[in-house]
């Protein structure tokens, strides 16, 4: 049969093999579509909150949105771990005359 069938077997991976078969450089994720959520917005509804509460991990939710979620699923929407209403922390923000949140 073929005496030279393994003649092109190499003991290393070529650049083309690496990029096509083993991953290589991953395409860049477009960062232009990413916008950070404003601090005065609920992480569940992405709307400005009225009654802000916080999880022990520091994720801010609106009480009107997180309570129905907890009744239905009983988990933290951000990481999927168990969460109950007793572990939520009520937040108080300082507001100026225009009712916008100001840093301390």
PDB file of N, CA and C in Angstrom:
ATOM      1  N   UNK A   1       0.841  -1.174   0.000  1.00  0.00           N
ATOM      2  CA  UNK A   1       0.000   0.000   0.000  1.00  0.00           C
ATOM      3  C   UNK A   1       0.889   1.240   0.000  1.00  0.00           C
ATOM      4  N   UNK A   2       0.438   2.307   0.587  1.00  0.00           N
ATOM      5  CA  UNK A   2       1.204   3.536   0.549  1.00  0.00           C
ATOM      6  C   UNK A   2       2.330   3.553   1.553  1.00  0.00           C
ATOM      7  N   UNK A   3       3.561   3.635   1.052  1.00  0.00           N
ATOM      8  CA  UNK A   3       4.714   3.642   1.941  1.00  0.00           C
ATOM      9  C   UNK A   3       4.917   5.009   2.588  1.00  0.00           C
ATOM     10  N   UNK A   4       4.429   6.047   1.961  1.00  0.00           N
ATOM     11  CA  UNK A   4       4.689   7.405   2.449  1.00  0.00           C
ATOM     12  C   UNK A   4       3.410   8.064   2.994  1.00  0.00           C
ATOM     13  N   UNK A   5       2.568   7.297   3.625  1.00  0.00           N
ATOM     14  CA  UNK A   5       1.289   7.850   4.058  1.00  0.00           C
ATOM     15  C   UNK A   5       1.417   8.806   5.247  1.00  0.00           C
ATOM     16  N   UNK A   6       2.429   8.672   6.072  1.00  0.00           N
ATOM     17  CA  UNK A   6       2.611   9.550   7.225  1.00  0.00           C
ATOM     18  C   UNK A   6       3.727  10.562   6.996  1.00  0.00           C
ATOM     19  N   UNK A   7       4.012  10.841   5.783  1.00  0.00           N
ATOM     20  CA  UNK A   7       5.118  11.731   5.459  1.00  0.00           C
ATOM     21  C   UNK A   7       4.840  13.167   5.912  1.00  0.00           C
ATOM     22  N   UNK A   8       3.568  13.594   5.912  1.00  0.00           N
ATOM     23  CA  UNK A   8       3.254  14.980   6.262  1.00  0.00           C
ATOM     24  C   UNK A   8       2.793  15.130   7.708  1.00  0.00           C
ATOM     25  N   UNK A   9       2.890  14.083   8.517  1.00  0.00           N
ATOM     26  CA  UNK A   9       2.551  14.195   9.933  1.00  0.00           C
ATOM     27  C   UNK A   9       3.612  15.042  10.626  1.00  0.00           C
ATOM     28  N   UNK A  10       3.158  16.072  11.344  1.00  0.00           N
ATOM     29  CA  UNK A  10       4.087  16.970  12.025  1.00  0.00           C
ATOM     30  C   UNK A  10       3.926  16.797  13.524  1.00  0.00           C
ATOM     31  N   UNK A  11       4.963  17.032  14.249  1.00  0.00           N
ATOM     32  CA  UNK A  11       4.948  16.904  15.701  1.00  0.00           C
ATOM     33  C   UNK A  11       4.620  18.239  16.378  1.00  0.00           C
ATOM     34  N   UNK A  12       4.058  19.151  15.626  1.00  0.00           N
ATOM     35  CA  UNK A  12       3.672  20.436  16.181  1.00  0.00           C
ATOM     36  C   UNK A  12       2.393  20.890  15.485  1.00  0.00           C
ATOM     37  N   UNK A  13       1.745  21.891  16.070  1.00  0.00           N
ATOM     38  CA  UNK A  13       0.522  22.443  15.492  1.00  0.00           C
ATOM     39  C   UNK A  13       0.900  23.684  14.697  1.00  0.00           C
ATOM     40  N   UNK A  14       0.456  23.742  13.475  1.00  0.00           N
ATOM     41  CA  UNK A  14       0.745  24.907  12.645  1.00  0.00           C
ATOM     42  C   UNK A  14      -0.173  26.054  13.045  1.00  0.00           C
ATOM     43  N   UNK A  15       0.152  27.228  12.573  1.00  0.00           N
ATOM     44  CA  UNK A  15      -0.640  28.416  12.884  1.00  0.00           C
ATOM     45  C   UNK A  15      -2.052  28.276  12.327  1.00  0.00           C
ATOM     46  N   UNK A  16      -2.186  27.763  11.129  1.00  0.00           N
ATOM     47  CA  UNK A  16      -3.507  27.590  10.522  1.00  0.00           C
ATOM     48  C   UNK A  16      -4.351  26.586  11.310  1.00  0.00           C
ATOM     49  N   UNK A  17      -3.733  25.491  11.762  1.00  0.00           N
ATOM     50  CA  UNK A  17      -4.470  24.510  12.561  1.00  0.00           C
ATOM     51  C   UNK A  17      -4.929  25.123  13.880  1.00  0.00           C
ATOM     52  N   UNK A  18      -4.063  25.896  14.494  1.00  0.00           N
ATOM     53  CA  UNK A  18      -4.403  26.498  15.773  1.00  0.00           C
ATOM     54  C   UNK A  18      -5.578  27.462  15.635  1.00  0.00           C
ATOM     55  N   UNK A  19      -5.551  28.309  14.623  1.00  0.00           N
ATOM     56  CA  UNK A  19      -6.611  29.300  14.478  1.00  0.00           C
ATOM     57  C   UNK A  19      -7.923  28.684  14.026  1.00  0.00           C
ATOM     58  N   UNK A  20      -7.878  27.644  13.203  1.00  0.00           N
ATOM     59  CA  UNK A  20      -9.116  27.076  12.669  1.00  0.00           C
ATOM     60  C   UNK A  20      -9.708  25.984  13.546  1.00  0.00           C
ATOM     61  N   UNK A  21      -8.886  25.164  14.160  1.00  0.00           N
ATOM     62  CA  UNK A  21      -9.396  24.004  14.882  1.00  0.00           C
ATOM     63  C   UNK A  21      -9.357  24.149  16.398  1.00  0.00           C
ATOM     64  N   UNK A  22      -8.432  24.932  16.926  1.00  0.00           N
ATOM     65  CA  UNK A  22      -8.247  24.988  18.368  1.00  0.00           C
ATOM     66  C   UNK A  22      -8.559  26.349  18.964  1.00  0.00           C
ATOM     67  N   UNK A  23      -9.286  27.164  18.296  1.00  0.00           N
ATOM     68  CA  UNK A  23      -9.688  28.442  18.864  1.00  0.00           C
ATOM     69  C   UNK A  23      -8.912  29.603  18.311  1.00  0.00           C
ATOM     70  N   UNK A  24      -7.674  29.724  18.695  1.00  0.00           N
ATOM     71  CA  UNK A  24      -6.884  30.863  18.250  1.00  0.00           C
ATOM     72  C   UNK A  24      -7.400  32.147  18.878  1.00  0.00           C
ATOM     73  N   UNK A  25      -7.289  33.238  18.172  1.00  0.00           N
ATOM     74  CA  UNK A  25      -7.764  34.515  18.678  1.00  0.00           C
ATOM     75  C   UNK A  25      -9.272  34.580  18.517  1.00  0.00           C
ATOM     76  N   UNK A  26      -9.942  34.888  19.606  1.00  0.00           N
ATOM     77  CA  UNK A  26     -11.390  35.010  19.580  1.00  0.00           C
ATOM     78  C   UNK A  26     -11.765  36.360  18.990  1.00  0.00           C
ATOM     79  N   UNK A  27     -12.877  36.428  18.276  1.00  0.00           N
ATOM     80  CA  UNK A  27     -13.304  37.732  17.762  1.00  0.00           C
ATOM     81  C   UNK A  27     -13.674  38.655  18.913  1.00  0.00           C
ATOM     82  N   UNK A  28     -13.367  39.919  18.751  1.00  0.00           N
ATOM     83  CA  UNK A  28     -13.644  40.893  19.797  1.00  0.00           C
ATOM     84  C   UNK A  28     -15.145  41.074  19.972  1.00  0.00           C
ATOM     85  N   UNK A  29     -15.565  41.176  21.228  1.00  0.00           N
ATOM     86  CA  UNK A  29     -16.959  41.458  21.530  1.00  0.00           C
ATOM     87  C   UNK A  29     -17.142  42.965  21.400  1.00  0.00           C
ATOM     88  N   UNK A  30     -18.116  43.405  20.633  1.00  0.00           N
ATOM     89  CA  UNK A  30     -18.280  44.854  20.479  1.00  0.00           C
ATOM     90  C   UNK A  30     -18.681  45.500  21.801  1.00  0.00           C
ATOM     91  N   UNK A  31     -17.865  46.404  22.280  1.00  0.00           N
ATOM     92  CA  UNK A  31     -18.116  47.084  23.542  1.00  0.00           C
ATOM     93  C   UNK A  31     -18.952  48.345  23.347  1.00  0.00           C
ATOM     94  N   UNK A  32     -19.236  48.716  22.109  1.00  0.00           N
ATOM     95  CA  UNK A  32     -19.987  49.937  21.856  1.00  0.00           C
ATOM     96  C   UNK A  32     -21.435  49.806  22.308  1.00  0.00           C
ATOM     97  N   UNK A  33     -21.983  48.590  22.350  1.00  0.00           N
ATOM     98  CA  UNK A  33     -23.375  48.400  22.741  1.00  0.00           C
ATOM     99  C   UNK A  33     -23.550  48.320  24.251  1.00  0.00           C
ATOM    100  N   UNK A  34     -22.465  48.261  25.010  1.00  0.00           N
ATOM    101  CA  UNK A  34     -22.544  48.112  26.458  1.00  0.00           C
ATOM    102  C   UNK A  34     -22.693  49.470  27.124  1.00  0.00           C
ATOM    103  N   UNK A  35     -23.721  49.599  27.951  1.00  0.00           N
ATOM    104  CA  UNK A  35     -23.914  50.799  28.752  1.00  0.00           C
ATOM    105  C   UNK A  35     -24.145  50.367  30.189  1.00  0.00           C
ATOM    106  N   UNK A  36     -23.417  50.955  31.114  1.00  0.00           N
ATOM    107  CA  UNK A  36     -23.568  50.617  32.517  1.00  0.00           C
ATOM    108  C   UNK A  36     -24.909  51.148  33.018  1.00  0.00           C
ATOM    109  N   UNK A  37     -25.565  50.355  33.867  1.00  0.00           N
ATOM    110  CA  UNK A  37     -26.852  50.736  34.433  1.00  0.00           C
ATOM    111  C   UNK A  37     -26.648  51.884  35.419  1.00  0.00           C
ATOM    112  N   UNK A  38     -27.427  52.972  35.307  1.00  0.00           N
ATOM    113  CA  UNK A  38     -27.296  54.064  36.273  1.00  0.00           C
ATOM    114  C   UNK A  38     -27.577  53.579  37.693  1.00  0.00           C
ATOM    115  N   UNK A  39     -26.983  54.240  38.661  1.00  0.00           N
ATOM    116  CA  UNK A  39     -27.064  53.786  40.046  1.00  0.00           C
ATOM    117  C   UNK A  39     -28.475  53.888  40.609  1.00  0.00           C
ATOM    118  N   UNK A  40     -29.294  54.789  40.078  1.00  0.00           N
ATOM    119  CA  UNK A  40     -30.648  54.962  40.611  1.00  0.00           C
ATOM    120  C   UNK A  40     -31.682  54.147  39.839  1.00  0.00           C
ATOM    121  N   UNK A  41     -31.265  53.047  39.211  1.00  0.00           N
ATOM    122  CA  UNK A  41     -32.167  52.187  38.447  1.00  0.00           C
ATOM    123  C   UNK A  41     -32.197  50.785  39.049  1.00  0.00           C
ATOM    124  N   UNK A  42     -33.335  50.132  38.902  1.00  0.00           N
ATOM    125  CA  UNK A  42     -33.517  48.769  39.387  1.00  0.00           C
ATOM    126  C   UNK A  42     -32.802  47.803  38.450  1.00  0.00           C
ATOM    127  N   UNK A  43     -32.135  46.810  39.015  1.00  0.00           N
ATOM    128  CA  UNK A  43     -31.409  45.836  38.201  1.00  0.00           C
ATOM    129  C   UNK A  43     -32.328  44.820  37.551  1.00  0.00           C
ATOM    130  N   UNK A  44     -33.569  44.747  37.978  1.00  0.00           N
ATOM    131  CA  UNK A  44     -34.518  43.797  37.414  1.00  0.00           C
ATOM    132  C   UNK A  44     -35.346  44.424  36.302  1.00  0.00           C
ATOM    133  N   UNK A  45     -35.883  45.614  36.540  1.00  0.00           N
ATOM    134  CA  UNK A  45     -36.740  46.257  35.540  1.00  0.00           C
ATOM    135  C   UNK A  45     -36.001  47.271  34.676  1.00  0.00           C
ATOM    136  N   UNK A  46     -34.789  47.644  35.078  1.00  0.00           N
ATOM    137  CA  UNK A  46     -33.961  48.636  34.379  1.00  0.00           C
ATOM    138  C   UNK A  46     -34.628  50.009  34.327  1.00  0.00           C
ATOM    139  N   UNK A  47     -35.515  50.281  35.259  1.00  0.00           N
ATOM    140  CA  UNK A  47     -36.219  51.553  35.369  1.00  0.00           C
ATOM    141  C   UNK A  47     -35.800  52.233  36.673  1.00  0.00           C
ATOM    142  N   UNK A  48     -35.978  53.560  36.788  1.00  0.00           N
ATOM    143  CA  UNK A  48     -35.659  54.224  38.057  1.00  0.00           C
ATOM    144  C   UNK A  48     -36.508  53.648  39.190  1.00  0.00           C
ATOM    145  N   UNK A  49     -35.894  53.448  40.349  1.00  0.00           N
ATOM    146  CA  UNK A  49     -36.626  52.835  41.446  1.00  0.00           C
ATOM    147  C   UNK A  49     -37.364  53.871  42.274  1.00  0.00           C
ATOM    148  N   UNK A  50     -38.396  53.396  42.980  1.00  0.00           N
ATOM    149  CA  UNK A  50     -39.162  54.228  43.896  1.00  0.00           C
ATOM    150  C   UNK A  50     -38.819  53.857  45.337  1.00  0.00           C
ATOM    151  N   UNK A  51     -38.786  52.555  45.627  1.00  0.00           N
ATOM    152  CA  UNK A  51     -38.455  52.035  46.953  1.00  0.00           C
ATOM    153  C   UNK A  51     -37.226  51.140  46.819  1.00  0.00           C
ATOM    154  N   UNK A  52     -36.023  51.707  46.920  1.00  0.00           N
ATOM    155  CA  UNK A  52     -34.816  50.907  46.682  1.00  0.00           C
ATOM    156  C   UNK A  52     -34.492  49.960  47.831  1.00  0.00           C
ATOM    157  N   UNK A  53     -34.149  48.734  47.471  1.00  0.00           N
ATOM    158  CA  UNK A  53     -33.638  47.746  48.417  1.00  0.00           C
ATOM    159  C   UNK A  53     -32.388  47.129  47.810  1.00  0.00           C
ATOM    160  N   UNK A  54     -31.591  46.519  48.663  1.00  0.00           N
ATOM    161  CA  UNK A  54     -30.308  45.980  48.237  1.00  0.00           C
ATOM    162  C   UNK A  54     -30.166  44.554  48.750  1.00  0.00           C
ATOM    163  N   UNK A  55     -29.548  43.685  47.960  1.00  0.00           N
ATOM    164  CA  UNK A  55     -29.242  42.332  48.407  1.00  0.00           C
ATOM    165  C   UNK A  55     -27.942  42.363  49.208  1.00  0.00           C
ATOM    166  N   UNK A  56     -27.623  41.308  49.935  1.00  0.00           N
ATOM    167  CA  UNK A  56     -26.342  41.287  50.661  1.00  0.00           C
ATOM    168  C   UNK A  56     -25.124  41.396  49.742  1.00  0.00           C
ATOM    169  N   UNK A  57     -25.265  41.036  48.465  1.00  0.00           N
ATOM    170  CA  UNK A  57     -24.151  41.159  47.519  1.00  0.00           C
ATOM    171  C   UNK A  57     -23.986  42.579  47.004  1.00  0.00           C
ATOM    172  N   UNK A  58     -24.997  43.451  47.215  1.00  0.00           N
ATOM    173  CA  UNK A  58     -24.902  44.835  46.783  1.00  0.00           C
ATOM    174  C   UNK A  58     -25.665  45.155  45.522  1.00  0.00           C
ATOM    175  N   UNK A  59     -26.524  44.274  45.055  1.00  0.00           N
ATOM    176  CA  UNK A  59     -27.316  44.524  43.853  1.00  0.00           C
ATOM    177  C   UNK A  59     -28.570  45.281  44.264  1.00  0.00           C
ATOM    178  N   UNK A  60     -28.854  46.402  43.583  1.00  0.00           N
ATOM    179  CA  UNK A  60     -29.971  47.267  43.946  1.00  0.00           C
ATOM    180  C   UNK A  60     -31.197  46.902  43.115  1.00  0.00           C
ATOM    181  N   UNK A  61     -32.333  46.750  43.793  1.00  0.00           N
ATOM    182  CA  UNK A  61     -33.611  46.460  43.150  1.00  0.00           C
ATOM    183  C   UNK A  61     -34.659  47.422  43.687  1.00  0.00           C
ATOM    184  N   UNK A  62     -35.772  47.522  42.961  1.00  0.00           N
ATOM    185  CA  UNK A  62     -36.936  48.241  43.455  1.00  0.00           C
ATOM    186  C   UNK A  62     -37.811  47.240  44.195  1.00  0.00           C
ATOM    187  N   UNK A  63     -38.329  47.631  45.337  1.00  0.00           N
ATOM    188  CA  UNK A  63     -39.141  46.728  46.149  1.00  0.00           C
ATOM    189  C   UNK A  63     -40.378  46.263  45.388  1.00  0.00           C
ATOM    190  N   UNK A  64     -40.939  47.140  44.547  1.00  0.00           N
ATOM    191  CA  UNK A  64     -42.137  46.787  43.785  1.00  0.00           C
ATOM    192  C   UNK A  64     -41.855  45.730  42.721  1.00  0.00           C
ATOM    193  N   UNK A  65     -40.611  45.564  42.324  1.00  0.00           N
ATOM    194  CA  UNK A  65     -40.259  44.572  41.306  1.00  0.00           C
ATOM    195  C   UNK A  65     -39.696  43.288  41.900  1.00  0.00           C
ATOM    196  N   UNK A  66     -38.969  43.387  42.999  1.00  0.00           N
ATOM    197  CA  UNK A  66     -38.295  42.204  43.540  1.00  0.00           C
ATOM    198  C   UNK A  66     -39.243  41.323  44.348  1.00  0.00           C
ATOM    199  N   UNK A  67     -40.261  41.898  44.995  1.00  0.00           N
ATOM    200  CA  UNK A  67     -41.178  41.089  45.808  1.00  0.00           C
ATOM    201  C   UNK A  67     -41.963  40.092  44.954  1.00  0.00           C
ATOM    202  N   UNK A  68     -42.562  40.492  43.818  1.00  0.00           N
ATOM    203  CA  UNK A  68     -43.223  39.476  42.981  1.00  0.00           C
ATOM    204  C   UNK A  68     -42.246  38.418  42.457  1.00  0.00           C
ATOM    205  N   UNK A  69     -41.024  38.808  42.160  1.00  0.00           N
ATOM    206  CA  UNK A  69     -40.018  37.847  41.703  1.00  0.00           C
ATOM    207  C   UNK A  69     -39.713  36.826  42.801  1.00  0.00           C
ATOM    208  N   UNK A  70     -39.560  37.316  44.028  1.00  0.00           N
ATOM    209  CA  UNK A  70     -39.254  36.413  45.134  1.00  0.00           C
ATOM    210  C   UNK A  70     -40.424  35.480  45.439  1.00  0.00           C
ATOM    211  N   UNK A  71     -41.653  35.967  45.306  1.00  0.00           N
ATOM    212  CA  UNK A  71     -42.818  35.106  45.535  1.00  0.00           C
ATOM    213  C   UNK A  71     -42.908  34.017  44.477  1.00  0.00           C
ATOM    214  N   UNK A  72     -42.543  34.340  43.244  1.00  0.00           N
ATOM    215  CA  UNK A  72     -42.662  33.369  42.153  1.00  0.00           C
ATOM    216  C   UNK A  72     -41.484  32.405  42.113  1.00  0.00           C
ATOM    217  N   UNK A  73     -40.249  32.923  42.214  1.00  0.00           N
ATOM    218  CA  UNK A  73     -39.063  32.094  42.015  1.00  0.00           C
ATOM    219  C   UNK A  73     -38.273  31.818  43.297  1.00  0.00           C
ATOM    220  N   UNK A  74     -38.251  32.763  44.228  1.00  0.00           N
ATOM    221  CA  UNK A  74     -37.498  32.585  45.464  1.00  0.00           C
ATOM    222  C   UNK A  74     -35.994  32.643  45.302  1.00  0.00           C
ATOM    223  N   UNK A  75     -35.526  33.209  44.205  1.00  0.00           N
ATOM    224  CA  UNK A  75     -34.088  33.284  43.950  1.00  0.00           C
ATOM    225  C   UNK A  75     -33.674  34.722  43.667  1.00  0.00           C
ATOM    226  N   UNK A  76     -32.380  34.961  43.728  1.00  0.00           N
ATOM    227  CA  UNK A  76     -31.811  36.248  43.365  1.00  0.00           C
ATOM    228  C   UNK A  76     -31.744  36.314  41.842  1.00  0.00           C
ATOM    229  N   UNK A  77     -32.353  37.324  41.201  1.00  0.00           N
ATOM    230  CA  UNK A  77     -32.338  37.381  39.736  1.00  0.00           C
ATOM    231  C   UNK A  77     -30.951  37.571  39.139  1.00  0.00           C
ATOM    232  N   UNK A  78     -30.021  38.135  39.895  1.00  0.00           N
ATOM    233  CA  UNK A  78     -28.705  38.412  39.332  1.00  0.00           C
ATOM    234  C   UNK A  78     -27.786  37.203  39.327  1.00  0.00           C
ATOM    235  N   UNK A  79     -27.911  36.294  40.317  1.00  0.00           N
ATOM    236  CA  UNK A  79     -26.992  35.157  40.338  1.00  0.00           C
ATOM    237  C   UNK A  79     -27.679  33.807  40.511  1.00  0.00           C
ATOM    238  N   UNK A  80     -28.990  33.770  40.723  1.00  0.00           N
ATOM    239  CA  UNK A  80     -29.721  32.517  40.795  1.00  0.00           C
ATOM    240  C   UNK A  80     -29.681  31.815  42.140  1.00  0.00           C
ATOM    241  N   UNK A  81     -29.033  32.386  43.139  1.00  0.00           N
ATOM    242  CA  UNK A  81     -28.980  31.770  44.464  1.00  0.00           C
ATOM    243  C   UNK A  81     -30.281  32.050  45.219  1.00  0.00           C
ATOM    244  N   UNK A  82     -30.547  31.241  46.245  1.00  0.00           N
ATOM    245  CA  UNK A  82     -31.757  31.436  47.049  1.00  0.00           C
ATOM    246  C   UNK A  82     -31.707  32.791  47.735  1.00  0.00           C
ATOM    247  N   UNK A  83     -32.870  33.436  47.798  1.00  0.00           N
ATOM    248  CA  UNK A  83     -32.973  34.749  48.421  1.00  0.00           C
ATOM    249  C   UNK A  83     -34.360  34.867  49.030  1.00  0.00           C
ATOM    250  N   UNK A  84     -34.445  35.382  50.243  1.00  0.00           N
ATOM    251  CA  UNK A  84     -35.744  35.639  50.846  1.00  0.00           C
ATOM    252  C   UNK A  84     -35.865  37.129  51.131  1.00  0.00           C
ATOM    253  N   UNK A  85     -37.083  37.566  51.381  1.00  0.00           N
ATOM    254  CA  UNK A  85     -37.344  38.985  51.579  1.00  0.00           C
ATOM    255  C   UNK A  85     -36.712  39.556  52.825  1.00  0.00           C
ATOM    256  N   UNK A  86     -36.421  38.719  53.812  1.00  0.00           N
ATOM    257  CA  UNK A  86     -35.825  39.207  55.057  1.00  0.00           C
ATOM    258  C   UNK A  86     -34.382  39.658  54.875  1.00  0.00           C
ATOM    259  N   UNK A  87     -33.723  39.139  53.881  1.00  0.00           N
ATOM    260  CA  UNK A  87     -32.316  39.495  53.684  1.00  0.00           C
ATOM    261  C   UNK A  87     -32.141  40.776  52.870  1.00  0.00           C
ATOM    262  N   UNK A  88     -33.237  41.357  52.370  1.00  0.00           N
ATOM    263  CA  UNK A  88     -33.143  42.609  51.626  1.00  0.00           C
ATOM    264  C   UNK A  88     -32.907  43.765  52.590  1.00  0.00           C
ATOM    265  N   UNK A  89     -32.094  44.712  52.170  1.00  0.00           N
ATOM    266  CA  UNK A  89     -31.721  45.859  52.993  1.00  0.00           C
ATOM    267  C   UNK A  89     -32.354  47.106  52.391  1.00  0.00           C
ATOM    268  N   UNK A  90     -33.107  47.850  53.203  1.00  0.00           N
ATOM    269  CA  UNK A  90     -33.732  49.082  52.731  1.00  0.00           C
ATOM    270  C   UNK A  90     -32.658  50.153  52.569  1.00  0.00           C
ATOM    271  N   UNK A  91     -32.709  50.882  51.464  1.00  0.00           N
ATOM    272  CA  UNK A  91     -31.716  51.920  51.188  1.00  0.00           C
ATOM    273  C   UNK A  91     -32.344  53.299  51.312  1.00  0.00           C
ATOM    274  N   UNK A  92     -31.586  54.255  51.807  1.00  0.00           N
ATOM    275  CA  UNK A  92     -31.997  55.656  51.889  1.00  0.00           C
ATOM    276  C   UNK A  92     -30.973  56.477  51.116  1.00  0.00           C
ATOM    277  N   UNK A  93     -31.443  57.222  50.125  1.00  0.00           N
ATOM    278  CA  UNK A  93     -30.563  58.039  49.304  1.00  0.00           C
ATOM    279  C   UNK A  93     -30.802  59.513  49.606  1.00  0.00           C
ATOM    280  N   UNK A  94     -29.753  60.303  49.585  1.00  0.00           N
ATOM    281  CA  UNK A  94     -29.863  61.748  49.727  1.00  0.00           C
ATOM    282  C   UNK A  94     -30.254  62.335  48.376  1.00  0.00           C
ATOM    283  N   UNK A  95     -31.260  63.215  48.393  1.00  0.00           N
ATOM    284  CA  UNK A  95     -31.734  63.825  47.150  1.00  0.00           C
ATOM    285  C   UNK A  95     -31.650  65.341  47.263  1.00  0.00           C
ATOM    286  N   UNK A  96     -31.426  65.980  46.122  1.00  0.00           N
ATOM    287  CA  UNK A  96     -31.381  67.433  46.106  1.00  0.00           C
ATOM    288  C   UNK A  96     -32.762  67.993  45.755  1.00  0.00           C
ATOM    289  N   UNK A  97     -32.851  69.286  45.468  1.00  0.00           N
ATOM    290  CA  UNK A  97     -34.141  69.925  45.190  1.00  0.00           C
ATOM    291  C   UNK A  97     -34.805  69.379  43.929  1.00  0.00           C
ATOM    292  N   UNK A  98     -34.010  68.925  42.970  1.00  0.00           N
ATOM    293  CA  UNK A  98     -34.560  68.375  41.726  1.00  0.00           C
ATOM    294  C   UNK A  98     -34.922  66.899  41.859  1.00  0.00           C
ATOM    295  N   UNK A  99     -34.859  66.357  43.075  1.00  0.00           N
ATOM    296  CA  UNK A  99     -35.180  64.952  43.359  1.00  0.00           C
ATOM    297  C   UNK A  99     -34.228  63.975  42.674  1.00  0.00           C
ATOM    298  N   UNK A 100     -33.011  64.408  42.397  1.00  0.00           N
ATOM    299  CA  UNK A 100     -32.016  63.486  41.857  1.00  0.00           C
ATOM    300  C   UNK A 100     -31.050  63.103  42.976  1.00  0.00           C
ATOM    301  N   UNK A 101     -30.513  61.920  42.867  1.00  0.00           N
ATOM    302  CA  UNK A 101     -29.640  61.392  43.912  1.00  0.00           C
ATOM    303  C   UNK A 101     -28.293  62.096  43.869  1.00  0.00           C
ATOM    304  N   UNK A 102     -27.807  62.499  45.037  1.00  0.00           N
ATOM    305  CA  UNK A 102     -26.515  63.175  45.133  1.00  0.00           C
ATOM    306  C   UNK A 102     -25.566  62.321  45.958  1.00  0.00           C
ATOM    307  N   UNK A 103     -24.278  62.326  45.622  1.00  0.00           N
ATOM    308  CA  UNK A 103     -23.314  61.597  46.451  1.00  0.00           C
ATOM    309  C   UNK A 103     -23.069  62.346  47.754  1.00  0.00           C
ATOM    310  N   UNK A 104     -22.630  61.631  48.752  1.00  0.00           N
ATOM    311  CA  UNK A 104     -22.357  62.247  50.054  1.00  0.00           C
ATOM    312  C   UNK A 104     -21.059  62.984  50.028  1.00  0.00           C
TER     313      UNK A 104
END
